Amino acid sequence: MTAAKALMKSGTSSLPVSVSAVAAGFGIKLVDYNAFVQAYELSKDELYGKISYGGFSLIAEGRYVCVLNSGLCGQSRRKWTAAHEVGHVLCGHVNGTDPVTHEQEREADRFAAELLAPLTVLHFCGVSSVLEIERLCGISRQAASARFNELSVLRRTDESRFTNAIRNGEAPPESIFLQTEENRELFRWFSPFITSYITRRSAHDGYGKYLEMKSRERMAI
């Protein structure tokens, strides 16, 4: 399953994304390391050494479970790890037998990036900086920088396609952000939020400071 489909099927239509709500929408249980080690009489050192420091996913009692380390420094890191583990489940990587491969780890990272900071939504919201993505999506500066770079590349490609079409006397092409049916569906799904965001952004002279204040508020994963 793609991140876009996961957002829509879980009923998520605004940023920042609640990974807990997405997980709940698919019946995935999020469990803290402390609860897991108590339930299975393990030590955290065993988990860190044999499995993972940040988090892992498994099937327990017929249900998908994502086990997360709340001790990770930084809320944005915990949020990303939760999205990454949910990605493993929804991408079909967790089957109870086979270990996760390096390619599946990369796929889960791509899932997390698109779940937490969907490029189509960011583009039409008119985001213009790494800092804006960081604050709007509740992700780390590093993750926000990577998403802004991807967004900038797509925007330049979009602009180049449009300019070339006009130069050649052709009809302007459809935006690269709306080329697939899935992206068009995601745009329609998030349209109320996008409209609201643009309105608040243009009406609020200190919107950057407002976002900074909101980003400092503690929120659930």
C-alpha atoms as a PDB file:
ATOM      1  CA  MET A   1       0.000   0.000   0.000  1.00  0.00           C
ATOM      2  CA  THR A   2       1.207   3.498  -0.767  1.00  0.00           C
ATOM      3  CA  ALA A   3       1.385   6.265   1.828  1.00  0.00           C
ATOM      4  CA  ALA A   4      -1.193   8.301  -0.100  1.00  0.00           C
ATOM      5  CA  LYS A   5      -3.699   5.453   0.078  1.00  0.00           C
ATOM      6  CA  ALA A   6      -2.924   4.951   3.760  1.00  0.00           C
ATOM      7  CA  LEU A   7      -3.679   8.619   4.456  1.00  0.00           C
ATOM      8  CA  MET A   8      -6.999   8.513   2.645  1.00  0.00           C
ATOM      9  CA  LYS A   9      -8.145   5.124   3.925  1.00  0.00           C
ATOM     10  CA  SER A  10      -7.359   6.113   7.519  1.00  0.00           C
ATOM     11  CA  GLY A  11      -9.346   9.340   7.151  1.00  0.00           C
ATOM     12  CA  THR A  12      -6.308  11.597   7.542  1.00  0.00           C
ATOM     13  CA  SER A  13      -6.833  14.885   5.704  1.00  0.00           C
ATOM     14  CA  SER A  14      -4.599  17.451   7.406  1.00  0.00           C
ATOM     15  CA  LEU A  15      -1.022  18.080   8.535  1.00  0.00           C
ATOM     16  CA  PRO A  16       0.705  17.253  10.804  1.00  0.00           C
ATOM     17  CA  VAL A  17      -0.221  13.614  10.343  1.00  0.00           C
ATOM     18  CA  SER A  18      -1.116  11.568  13.402  1.00  0.00           C
ATOM     19  CA  VAL A  19       0.670   8.252  12.924  1.00  0.00           C
ATOM     20  CA  SER A  20      -1.330   6.855  15.824  1.00  0.00           C
ATOM     21  CA  ALA A  21      -4.562   7.610  13.963  1.00  0.00           C
ATOM     22  CA  VAL A  22      -3.251   6.042  10.758  1.00  0.00           C
ATOM     23  CA  ALA A  23      -2.187   2.925  12.658  1.00  0.00           C
ATOM     24  CA  ALA A  24      -5.543   2.705  14.440  1.00  0.00           C
ATOM     25  CA  GLY A  25      -7.320   2.990  11.100  1.00  0.00           C
ATOM     26  CA  PHE A  26      -5.675  -0.252  10.018  1.00  0.00           C
ATOM     27  CA  GLY A  27      -5.909  -2.057  13.341  1.00  0.00           C
ATOM     28  CA  ILE A  28      -2.176  -1.753  13.983  1.00  0.00           C
ATOM     29  CA  LYS A  29      -1.237  -1.552  17.654  1.00  0.00           C
ATOM     30  CA  LEU A  30       1.548   0.800  18.767  1.00  0.00           C
ATOM     31  CA  VAL A  31       3.367  -0.409  21.876  1.00  0.00           C
ATOM     32  CA  ASP A  32       6.183   1.152  23.879  1.00  0.00           C
ATOM     33  CA  TYR A  33       9.396  -0.765  24.573  1.00  0.00           C
ATOM     34  CA  ASN A  34       8.707  -0.625  28.318  1.00  0.00           C
ATOM     35  CA  ALA A  35       5.350  -2.384  27.950  1.00  0.00           C
ATOM     36  CA  PHE A  36       6.820  -4.930  25.540  1.00  0.00           C
ATOM     37  CA  VAL A  37       9.725  -5.984  27.758  1.00  0.00           C
ATOM     38  CA  GLN A  38       7.412  -6.335  30.746  1.00  0.00           C
ATOM     39  CA  ALA A  39       4.910  -8.439  28.816  1.00  0.00           C
ATOM     40  CA  TYR A  40       7.567 -10.776  27.410  1.00  0.00           C
ATOM     41  CA  GLU A  41      10.013 -10.666  30.349  1.00  0.00           C
ATOM     42  CA  LEU A  42      12.878  -9.330  28.256  1.00  0.00           C
ATOM     43  CA  SER A  43      15.454  -6.662  28.883  1.00  0.00           C
ATOM     44  CA  LYS A  44      15.857  -3.547  26.794  1.00  0.00           C
ATOM     45  CA  ASP A  45      19.474  -4.519  26.173  1.00  0.00           C
ATOM     46  CA  GLU A  46      18.247  -7.711  24.504  1.00  0.00           C
ATOM     47  CA  LEU A  47      16.004  -5.677  22.221  1.00  0.00           C
ATOM     48  CA  TYR A  48      18.728  -3.151  21.432  1.00  0.00           C
ATOM     49  CA  GLY A  49      21.336  -5.794  20.703  1.00  0.00           C
ATOM     50  CA  LYS A  50      19.295  -8.409  18.873  1.00  0.00           C
ATOM     51  CA  ILE A  51      16.530  -6.433  17.181  1.00  0.00           C
ATOM     52  CA  SER A  52      16.567  -2.641  17.060  1.00  0.00           C
ATOM     53  CA  TYR A  53      17.186   0.422  19.176  1.00  0.00           C
ATOM     54  CA  GLY A  54      14.449   2.524  17.602  1.00  0.00           C
ATOM     55  CA  GLY A  55      11.586   0.182  16.851  1.00  0.00           C
ATOM     56  CA  PHE A  56      10.418  -2.991  15.128  1.00  0.00           C
ATOM     57  CA  SER A  57       7.218  -4.650  13.957  1.00  0.00           C
ATOM     58  CA  LEU A  58       5.813  -8.124  14.440  1.00  0.00           C
ATOM     59  CA  ILE A  59       2.654 -10.206  14.453  1.00  0.00           C
ATOM     60  CA  ALA A  60       1.441 -10.981  17.962  1.00  0.00           C
ATOM     61  CA  GLU A  61      -1.784 -12.835  18.739  1.00  0.00           C
ATOM     62  CA  GLY A  62      -2.932 -12.437  15.161  1.00  0.00           C
ATOM     63  CA  ARG A  63      -2.418  -8.678  15.103  1.00  0.00           C
ATOM     64  CA  TYR A  64       0.238  -6.368  13.687  1.00  0.00           C
ATOM     65  CA  VAL A  65       2.184  -4.615  16.427  1.00  0.00           C
ATOM     66  CA  CYS A  66       4.740  -1.820  16.092  1.00  0.00           C
ATOM     67  CA  VAL A  67       7.035  -1.617  19.113  1.00  0.00           C
ATOM     68  CA  LEU A  68       8.525   1.864  19.581  1.00  0.00           C
ATOM     69  CA  ASN A  69      11.235   3.218  21.843  1.00  0.00           C
ATOM     70  CA  SER A  70       9.797   6.294  23.565  1.00  0.00           C
ATOM     71  CA  GLY A  71      13.289   6.936  24.919  1.00  0.00           C
ATOM     72  CA  LEU A  72      14.474   8.153  21.516  1.00  0.00           C
ATOM     73  CA  CYS A  73      15.659  11.721  21.786  1.00  0.00           C
ATOM     74  CA  GLY A  74      13.272  14.123  20.079  1.00  0.00           C
ATOM     75  CA  GLN A  75       9.604  13.879  19.264  1.00  0.00           C
ATOM     76  CA  SER A  76      10.271  14.163  15.537  1.00  0.00           C
ATOM     77  CA  ARG A  77      12.533  11.106  15.656  1.00  0.00           C
ATOM     78  CA  ARG A  78       9.870   9.079  17.453  1.00  0.00           C
ATOM     79  CA  LYS A  79       7.235  10.211  14.958  1.00  0.00           C
ATOM     80  CA  TRP A  80       9.406   9.197  12.007  1.00  0.00           C
ATOM     81  CA  THR A  81      10.178   5.805  13.558  1.00  0.00           C
ATOM     82  CA  ALA A  82       6.459   5.170  14.106  1.00  0.00           C
ATOM     83  CA  ALA A  83       5.694   6.059  10.472  1.00  0.00           C
ATOM     84  CA  HIS A  84       8.574   3.855   9.313  1.00  0.00           C
ATOM     85  CA  GLU A  85       7.296   0.842  11.261  1.00  0.00           C
ATOM     86  CA  VAL A  86       3.716   1.358  10.102  1.00  0.00           C
ATOM     87  CA  GLY A  87       5.194   1.491   6.604  1.00  0.00           C
ATOM     88  CA  HIS A  88       6.753  -1.942   7.093  1.00  0.00           C
ATOM     89  CA  VAL A  89       3.342  -3.348   7.986  1.00  0.00           C
ATOM     90  CA  LEU A  90       1.344  -1.656   5.216  1.00  0.00           C
ATOM     91  CA  CYS A  91       3.965  -2.411   2.572  1.00  0.00           C
ATOM     92  CA  GLY A  92       3.683  -6.110   3.404  1.00  0.00           C
ATOM     93  CA  HIS A  93       7.153  -6.562   4.900  1.00  0.00           C
ATOM     94  CA  VAL A  94       5.995  -8.170   8.157  1.00  0.00           C
ATOM     95  CA  ASN A  95       5.016 -11.813   7.757  1.00  0.00           C
ATOM     96  CA  GLY A  96       6.228 -13.340  11.006  1.00  0.00           C
ATOM     97  CA  THR A  97       9.048 -15.325   9.435  1.00  0.00           C
ATOM     98  CA  ASP A  98      11.373 -13.451   7.063  1.00  0.00           C
ATOM     99  CA  PRO A  99      13.689 -10.695   8.299  1.00  0.00           C
ATOM    100  CA  VAL A 100      13.326  -7.248   6.769  1.00  0.00           C
ATOM    101  CA  THR A 101      15.738  -6.594   3.887  1.00  0.00           C
ATOM    102  CA  HIS A 102      17.756  -3.450   3.185  1.00  0.00           C
ATOM    103  CA  GLU A 103      15.489  -2.625   0.232  1.00  0.00           C
ATOM    104  CA  GLN A 104      12.449  -2.965   2.466  1.00  0.00           C
ATOM    105  CA  GLU A 105      14.066  -0.615   4.979  1.00  0.00           C
ATOM    106  CA  ARG A 106      14.483   1.948   2.212  1.00  0.00           C
ATOM    107  CA  GLU A 107      10.898   1.406   1.094  1.00  0.00           C
ATOM    108  CA  ALA A 108       9.676   1.974   4.659  1.00  0.00           C
ATOM    109  CA  ASP A 109      11.671   5.216   4.797  1.00  0.00           C
ATOM    110  CA  ARG A 110      10.089   6.385   1.542  1.00  0.00           C
ATOM    111  CA  PHE A 111       6.680   5.472   2.948  1.00  0.00           C
ATOM    112  CA  ALA A 112       7.357   7.464   6.122  1.00  0.00           C
ATOM    113  CA  ALA A 113       8.480  10.506   4.120  1.00  0.00           C
ATOM    114  CA  GLU A 114       5.379  10.528   1.927  1.00  0.00           C
ATOM    115  CA  LEU A 115       3.073   9.786   4.848  1.00  0.00           C
ATOM    116  CA  LEU A 116       4.363  12.619   7.015  1.00  0.00           C
ATOM    117  CA  ALA A 117       5.201  15.133   4.277  1.00  0.00           C
ATOM    118  CA  PRO A 118       3.239  14.337   1.080  1.00  0.00           C
ATOM    119  CA  LEU A 119       4.788  16.358  -1.743  1.00  0.00           C
ATOM    120  CA  THR A 120       1.522  17.028  -3.564  1.00  0.00           C
ATOM    121  CA  VAL A 121       0.031  18.557  -0.428  1.00  0.00           C
ATOM    122  CA  LEU A 122       3.173  20.555   0.364  1.00  0.00           C
ATOM    123  CA  HIS A 123       3.312  21.933  -3.170  1.00  0.00           C
ATOM    124  CA  PHE A 124      -0.255  23.188  -3.245  1.00  0.00           C
ATOM    125  CA  CYS A 125       0.092  24.578   0.275  1.00  0.00           C
ATOM    126  CA  GLY A 126       2.836  26.738  -1.223  1.00  0.00           C
ATOM    127  CA  VAL A 127       5.507  25.809   1.295  1.00  0.00           C
ATOM    128  CA  SER A 128       8.697  27.705   0.609  1.00  0.00           C
ATOM    129  CA  SER A 129      11.356  26.553   3.043  1.00  0.00           C
ATOM    130  CA  VAL A 130      12.832  23.656   4.967  1.00  0.00           C
ATOM    131  CA  LEU A 131      11.769  25.303   8.203  1.00  0.00           C
ATOM    132  CA  GLU A 132       8.142  25.547   7.078  1.00  0.00           C
ATOM    133  CA  ILE A 133       8.048  21.824   6.287  1.00  0.00           C
ATOM    134  CA  GLU A 134       9.718  20.990   9.595  1.00  0.00           C
ATOM    135  CA  ARG A 135       7.131  22.938  11.553  1.00  0.00           C
ATOM    136  CA  LEU A 136       4.103  22.049   9.468  1.00  0.00           C
ATOM    137  CA  CYS A 137       4.785  18.302   9.377  1.00  0.00           C
ATOM    138  CA  GLY A 138       6.438  17.792  12.760  1.00  0.00           C
ATOM    139  CA  ILE A 139       9.508  16.111  11.280  1.00  0.00           C
ATOM    140  CA  SER A 140      13.227  16.664  11.864  1.00  0.00           C
ATOM    141  CA  ARG A 141      15.246  19.348  10.119  1.00  0.00           C
ATOM    142  CA  GLN A 142      17.155  16.643   8.231  1.00  0.00           C
ATOM    143  CA  ALA A 143      13.975  14.953   6.990  1.00  0.00           C
ATOM    144  CA  ALA A 144      12.421  18.304   6.109  1.00  0.00           C
ATOM    145  CA  SER A 145      15.527  19.269   4.139  1.00  0.00           C
ATOM    146  CA  ALA A 146      15.354  16.059   2.111  1.00  0.00           C
ATOM    147  CA  ARG A 147      11.666  16.614   1.350  1.00  0.00           C
ATOM    148  CA  PHE A 148      12.243  20.242   0.381  1.00  0.00           C
ATOM    149  CA  ASN A 149      15.001  19.176  -2.011  1.00  0.00           C
ATOM    150  CA  GLU A 150      12.670  16.636  -3.637  1.00  0.00           C
ATOM    151  CA  LEU A 151       9.897  19.220  -3.805  1.00  0.00           C
ATOM    152  CA  SER A 152      12.220  21.788  -5.406  1.00  0.00           C
ATOM    153  CA  VAL A 153      13.361  19.328  -8.088  1.00  0.00           C
ATOM    154  CA  LEU A 154       9.762  18.512  -9.018  1.00  0.00           C
ATOM    155  CA  ARG A 155       8.822  22.187  -9.086  1.00  0.00           C
ATOM    156  CA  ARG A 156      11.718  23.003 -11.414  1.00  0.00           C
ATOM    157  CA  THR A 157      10.719  20.119 -13.665  1.00  0.00           C
ATOM    158  CA  ASP A 158       7.130  21.339 -13.656  1.00  0.00           C
ATOM    159  CA  GLU A 159       8.193  24.873 -14.540  1.00  0.00           C
ATOM    160  CA  SER A 160      10.479  23.644 -17.309  1.00  0.00           C
ATOM    161  CA  ARG A 161       7.715  21.530 -18.856  1.00  0.00           C
ATOM    162  CA  PHE A 162       5.310  24.463 -18.737  1.00  0.00           C
ATOM    163  CA  THR A 163       7.843  26.898 -20.249  1.00  0.00           C
ATOM    164  CA  ASN A 164       8.757  24.508 -23.067  1.00  0.00           C
ATOM    165  CA  ALA A 165       5.103  23.901 -23.915  1.00  0.00           C
ATOM    166  CA  ILE A 166       4.375  27.635 -24.135  1.00  0.00           C
ATOM    167  CA  ARG A 167       7.515  28.218 -26.187  1.00  0.00           C
ATOM    168  CA  ASN A 168       6.446  25.512 -28.636  1.00  0.00           C
ATOM    169  CA  GLY A 169       2.899  26.803 -28.884  1.00  0.00           C
ATOM    170  CA  GLU A 170       1.472  23.743 -27.122  1.00  0.00           C
ATOM    171  CA  ALA A 171      -1.177  23.474 -24.447  1.00  0.00           C
ATOM    172  CA  PRO A 172       0.307  23.679 -20.939  1.00  0.00           C
ATOM    173  CA  PRO A 173       0.835  20.167 -19.535  1.00  0.00           C
ATOM    174  CA  GLU A 174      -0.870  18.967 -16.386  1.00  0.00           C
ATOM    175  CA  SER A 175       1.097  19.642 -13.229  1.00  0.00           C
ATOM    176  CA  ILE A 176       3.573  16.906 -12.412  1.00  0.00           C
ATOM    177  CA  PHE A 177       2.001  16.858  -8.953  1.00  0.00           C
ATOM    178  CA  LEU A 178      -1.333  15.764 -10.465  1.00  0.00           C
ATOM    179  CA  GLN A 179      -0.179  13.346 -13.127  1.00  0.00           C
ATOM    180  CA  THR A 180      -1.366  10.178 -11.414  1.00  0.00           C
ATOM    181  CA  GLU A 181      -4.911   9.382 -10.328  1.00  0.00           C
ATOM    182  CA  GLU A 182      -3.622   8.733  -6.823  1.00  0.00           C
ATOM    183  CA  ASN A 183      -2.099  12.215  -6.587  1.00  0.00           C
ATOM    184  CA  ARG A 184      -5.299  13.761  -7.912  1.00  0.00           C
ATOM    185  CA  GLU A 185      -7.284  11.860  -5.296  1.00  0.00           C
ATOM    186  CA  LEU A 186      -4.886  12.982  -2.571  1.00  0.00           C
ATOM    187  CA  PHE A 187      -5.180  16.597  -3.712  1.00  0.00           C
ATOM    188  CA  ARG A 188      -8.987  16.427  -3.602  1.00  0.00           C
ATOM    189  CA  TRP A 189      -8.863  14.711  -0.206  1.00  0.00           C
ATOM    190  CA  PHE A 190      -6.625  17.407   1.299  1.00  0.00           C
ATOM    191  CA  SER A 191      -8.231  20.339  -0.573  1.00  0.00           C
ATOM    192  CA  PRO A 192     -10.137  21.727   2.465  1.00  0.00           C
ATOM    193  CA  PHE A 193      -6.930  21.703   4.505  1.00  0.00           C
ATOM    194  CA  ILE A 194      -4.902  23.238   1.650  1.00  0.00           C
ATOM    195  CA  THR A 195      -7.451  26.027   1.215  1.00  0.00           C
ATOM    196  CA  SER A 196      -7.522  26.691   4.952  1.00  0.00           C
ATOM    197  CA  TYR A 197      -3.746  26.663   5.197  1.00  0.00           C
ATOM    198  CA  ILE A 198      -3.277  29.114   2.325  1.00  0.00           C
ATOM    199  CA  THR A 199      -5.937  31.424   3.797  1.00  0.00           C
ATOM    200  CA  ARG A 200      -4.365  31.399   7.258  1.00  0.00           C
ATOM    201  CA  ARG A 201      -0.901  31.757   5.798  1.00  0.00           C
ATOM    202  CA  SER A 202      -1.781  34.837   3.771  1.00  0.00           C
ATOM    203  CA  ALA A 203      -3.885  36.446   6.513  1.00  0.00           C
ATOM    204  CA  HIS A 204      -1.410  35.903   9.332  1.00  0.00           C
ATOM    205  CA  ASP A 205       1.462  38.389   9.110  1.00  0.00           C
ATOM    206  CA  GLY A 206       3.478  36.420  11.628  1.00  0.00           C
ATOM    207  CA  TYR A 207       2.595  32.980  10.342  1.00  0.00           C
ATOM    208  CA  GLY A 208       6.167  31.808  10.590  1.00  0.00           C
ATOM    209  CA  LYS A 209       6.210  32.653  14.287  1.00  0.00           C
ATOM    210  CA  TYR A 210       2.810  31.031  14.695  1.00  0.00           C
ATOM    211  CA  LEU A 211       4.100  27.794  13.165  1.00  0.00           C
ATOM    212  CA  GLU A 212       7.148  27.951  15.397  1.00  0.00           C
ATOM    213  CA  MET A 213       4.927  28.275  18.456  1.00  0.00           C
ATOM    214  CA  LYS A 214       2.723  25.366  17.323  1.00  0.00           C
ATOM    215  CA  SER A 215       5.779  23.218  16.615  1.00  0.00           C
ATOM    216  CA  ARG A 216       6.876  23.577  20.231  1.00  0.00           C
ATOM    217  CA  GLU A 217       3.598  22.229  21.569  1.00  0.00           C
ATOM    218  CA  ARG A 218       3.817  18.596  22.569  1.00  0.00           C
ATOM    219  CA  MET A 219       1.665  16.376  20.394  1.00  0.00           C
ATOM    220  CA  ALA A 220       1.006  12.670  20.232  1.00  0.00           C
ATOM    221  CA  ILE A 221       2.852  10.531  17.693  1.00  0.00           C
END
